[in-house]
């Protein structure tokens, strides 16, 4: 399986997928921590992948998404964005609607 196929599988198998530095329990950057806090505040069901565990995937995902930084949040296979965009959507109430539409939050 190629690294792109691995990414595509992760995105197709998980309605909400967060590629982050570290884990939700131990985020390794403030931006990843903030997105986790937002998802938790939304009571979202989500999966995560620690990009430090796979250098090849970390580099390939940047090209796949055409997004150079982490974290990266995906809903229904579509890139939502990084910390700034997720924070903005959360503050506007839009993120909760997106998560609800994906069946990942009430």
C-alpha atoms as a PDB file:
ATOM      1  CA  UNK A   1       0.000   0.000   0.000  1.00  0.00           C
ATOM      2  CA  UNK A   2       1.368   3.396  -0.959  1.00  0.00           C
ATOM      3  CA  UNK A   3       1.444   6.251   1.510  1.00  0.00           C
ATOM      4  CA  UNK A   4      -1.250   8.056  -0.511  1.00  0.00           C
ATOM      5  CA  UNK A   5      -3.458   4.956  -0.311  1.00  0.00           C
ATOM      6  CA  UNK A   6      -2.873   4.884   3.447  1.00  0.00           C
ATOM      7  CA  UNK A   7      -4.019   8.521   3.711  1.00  0.00           C
ATOM      8  CA  UNK A   8      -7.060   7.841   1.524  1.00  0.00           C
ATOM      9  CA  UNK A   9      -7.970   4.804   3.637  1.00  0.00           C
ATOM     10  CA  UNK A  10      -7.682   6.786   6.866  1.00  0.00           C
ATOM     11  CA  UNK A  11      -9.907   9.518   5.456  1.00  0.00           C
ATOM     12  CA  UNK A  12     -12.512   7.110   4.068  1.00  0.00           C
ATOM     13  CA  UNK A  13     -12.655   5.056   7.286  1.00  0.00           C
ATOM     14  CA  UNK A  14     -12.994   8.044   9.648  1.00  0.00           C
ATOM     15  CA  UNK A  15     -15.721  10.687   9.351  1.00  0.00           C
ATOM     16  CA  UNK A  16     -13.564  13.144  11.310  1.00  0.00           C
ATOM     17  CA  UNK A  17      -9.791  12.782  11.118  1.00  0.00           C
ATOM     18  CA  UNK A  18      -7.214  14.970  12.817  1.00  0.00           C
ATOM     19  CA  UNK A  19      -3.587  14.804  11.728  1.00  0.00           C
ATOM     20  CA  UNK A  20      -1.706  16.323  14.608  1.00  0.00           C
ATOM     21  CA  UNK A  21       1.588  16.627  16.423  1.00  0.00           C
ATOM     22  CA  UNK A  22       1.298  14.182  19.305  1.00  0.00           C
ATOM     23  CA  UNK A  23      -1.936  12.670  20.604  1.00  0.00           C
ATOM     24  CA  UNK A  24      -5.084  14.166  22.120  1.00  0.00           C
ATOM     25  CA  UNK A  25      -3.809  13.098  25.533  1.00  0.00           C
ATOM     26  CA  UNK A  26      -0.322  14.521  24.904  1.00  0.00           C
ATOM     27  CA  UNK A  27      -0.366  17.144  22.127  1.00  0.00           C
ATOM     28  CA  UNK A  28       3.124  18.241  21.150  1.00  0.00           C
ATOM     29  CA  UNK A  29       2.279  21.740  19.951  1.00  0.00           C
ATOM     30  CA  UNK A  30      -0.102  24.466  21.007  1.00  0.00           C
ATOM     31  CA  UNK A  31      -1.972  24.456  17.707  1.00  0.00           C
ATOM     32  CA  UNK A  32      -2.713  20.724  17.915  1.00  0.00           C
ATOM     33  CA  UNK A  33      -3.756  21.176  21.540  1.00  0.00           C
ATOM     34  CA  UNK A  34      -6.167  23.959  20.585  1.00  0.00           C
ATOM     35  CA  UNK A  35      -7.875  21.895  17.872  1.00  0.00           C
ATOM     36  CA  UNK A  36      -8.263  18.972  20.295  1.00  0.00           C
ATOM     37  CA  UNK A  37      -9.822  21.335  22.865  1.00  0.00           C
ATOM     38  CA  UNK A  38     -12.258  22.610  20.242  1.00  0.00           C
ATOM     39  CA  UNK A  39     -13.246  19.106  19.127  1.00  0.00           C
ATOM     40  CA  UNK A  40     -13.740  18.098  22.756  1.00  0.00           C
ATOM     41  CA  UNK A  41     -15.859  21.221  23.370  1.00  0.00           C
ATOM     42  CA  UNK A  42     -18.043  20.127  20.447  1.00  0.00           C
ATOM     43  CA  UNK A  43     -18.290  16.595  21.905  1.00  0.00           C
ATOM     44  CA  UNK A  44     -17.008  15.362  18.562  1.00  0.00           C
ATOM     45  CA  UNK A  45     -16.174  11.769  17.803  1.00  0.00           C
ATOM     46  CA  UNK A  46     -12.913  11.839  15.896  1.00  0.00           C
ATOM     47  CA  UNK A  47      -9.863   9.804  15.033  1.00  0.00           C
ATOM     48  CA  UNK A  48      -6.339  11.098  15.113  1.00  0.00           C
ATOM     49  CA  UNK A  49      -2.930  10.320  13.692  1.00  0.00           C
ATOM     50  CA  UNK A  50       0.328  11.434  15.278  1.00  0.00           C
ATOM     51  CA  UNK A  51       2.377  12.707  12.342  1.00  0.00           C
ATOM     52  CA  UNK A  52       5.604  12.153  14.279  1.00  0.00           C
ATOM     53  CA  UNK A  53       5.008   8.385  13.951  1.00  0.00           C
ATOM     54  CA  UNK A  54       5.402   8.340  10.158  1.00  0.00           C
ATOM     55  CA  UNK A  55       7.804  10.740   8.435  1.00  0.00           C
ATOM     56  CA  UNK A  56       6.762   9.576   4.960  1.00  0.00           C
ATOM     57  CA  UNK A  57       3.072  10.154   5.657  1.00  0.00           C
ATOM     58  CA  UNK A  58       3.803  13.520   7.262  1.00  0.00           C
ATOM     59  CA  UNK A  59       5.504  14.752   4.101  1.00  0.00           C
ATOM     60  CA  UNK A  60       3.034  13.131   1.684  1.00  0.00           C
ATOM     61  CA  UNK A  61       0.000  14.602   3.445  1.00  0.00           C
ATOM     62  CA  UNK A  62       1.317  18.129   2.899  1.00  0.00           C
ATOM     63  CA  UNK A  63       1.278  17.498  -0.847  1.00  0.00           C
ATOM     64  CA  UNK A  64      -1.979  15.530  -0.792  1.00  0.00           C
ATOM     65  CA  UNK A  65      -3.770  18.355   0.996  1.00  0.00           C
ATOM     66  CA  UNK A  66      -1.769  21.209  -0.504  1.00  0.00           C
ATOM     67  CA  UNK A  67      -1.571  22.456   3.106  1.00  0.00           C
ATOM     68  CA  UNK A  68       1.932  22.963   4.531  1.00  0.00           C
ATOM     69  CA  UNK A  69       1.305  22.894   8.283  1.00  0.00           C
ATOM     70  CA  UNK A  70      -0.192  20.788  11.053  1.00  0.00           C
ATOM     71  CA  UNK A  71      -2.652  20.116  12.517  1.00  0.00           C
ATOM     72  CA  UNK A  72      -4.981  19.301   9.635  1.00  0.00           C
ATOM     73  CA  UNK A  73      -8.644  18.529  10.300  1.00  0.00           C
ATOM     74  CA  UNK A  74     -10.725  16.560   7.796  1.00  0.00           C
ATOM     75  CA  UNK A  75     -14.475  16.022   7.862  1.00  0.00           C
ATOM     76  CA  UNK A  76     -15.964  13.471   5.459  1.00  0.00           C
ATOM     77  CA  UNK A  77     -12.646  13.262   3.618  1.00  0.00           C
ATOM     78  CA  UNK A  78     -12.426  16.996   2.980  1.00  0.00           C
ATOM     79  CA  UNK A  79      -9.773  19.245   4.464  1.00  0.00           C
ATOM     80  CA  UNK A  80     -11.347  21.788   6.789  1.00  0.00           C
ATOM     81  CA  UNK A  81      -8.056  23.479   7.651  1.00  0.00           C
ATOM     82  CA  UNK A  82      -5.604  24.084  10.429  1.00  0.00           C
ATOM     83  CA  UNK A  83      -5.868  25.679  13.832  1.00  0.00           C
ATOM     84  CA  UNK A  84      -6.774  29.203  12.705  1.00  0.00           C
ATOM     85  CA  UNK A  85      -9.564  28.082  10.377  1.00  0.00           C
ATOM     86  CA  UNK A  86     -10.924  25.528  12.861  1.00  0.00           C
ATOM     87  CA  UNK A  87     -10.902  28.160  15.620  1.00  0.00           C
ATOM     88  CA  UNK A  88     -12.708  30.652  13.374  1.00  0.00           C
ATOM     89  CA  UNK A  89     -15.343  28.083  12.356  1.00  0.00           C
ATOM     90  CA  UNK A  90     -15.833  27.117  16.003  1.00  0.00           C
ATOM     91  CA  UNK A  91     -16.251  30.738  17.107  1.00  0.00           C
ATOM     92  CA  UNK A  92     -18.870  31.301  14.384  1.00  0.00           C
ATOM     93  CA  UNK A  93     -20.761  28.122  15.326  1.00  0.00           C
ATOM     94  CA  UNK A  94     -20.076  26.610  11.918  1.00  0.00           C
ATOM     95  CA  UNK A  95     -17.815  23.783  13.073  1.00  0.00           C
ATOM     96  CA  UNK A  96     -20.521  22.280  15.288  1.00  0.00           C
ATOM     97  CA  UNK A  97     -22.886  22.276  12.291  1.00  0.00           C
ATOM     98  CA  UNK A  98     -20.268  20.578  10.106  1.00  0.00           C
ATOM     99  CA  UNK A  99     -19.589  17.924  12.739  1.00  0.00           C
ATOM    100  CA  UNK A 100     -23.299  17.340  13.265  1.00  0.00           C
ATOM    101  CA  UNK A 101     -23.901  16.993   9.523  1.00  0.00           C
ATOM    102  CA  UNK A 102     -21.145  14.356   9.431  1.00  0.00           C
ATOM    103  CA  UNK A 103     -22.803  12.481  12.296  1.00  0.00           C
ATOM    104  CA  UNK A 104     -19.798  13.111  14.533  1.00  0.00           C
ATOM    105  CA  UNK A 105     -21.443  15.376  17.117  1.00  0.00           C
ATOM    106  CA  UNK A 106     -24.887  16.117  18.485  1.00  0.00           C
END
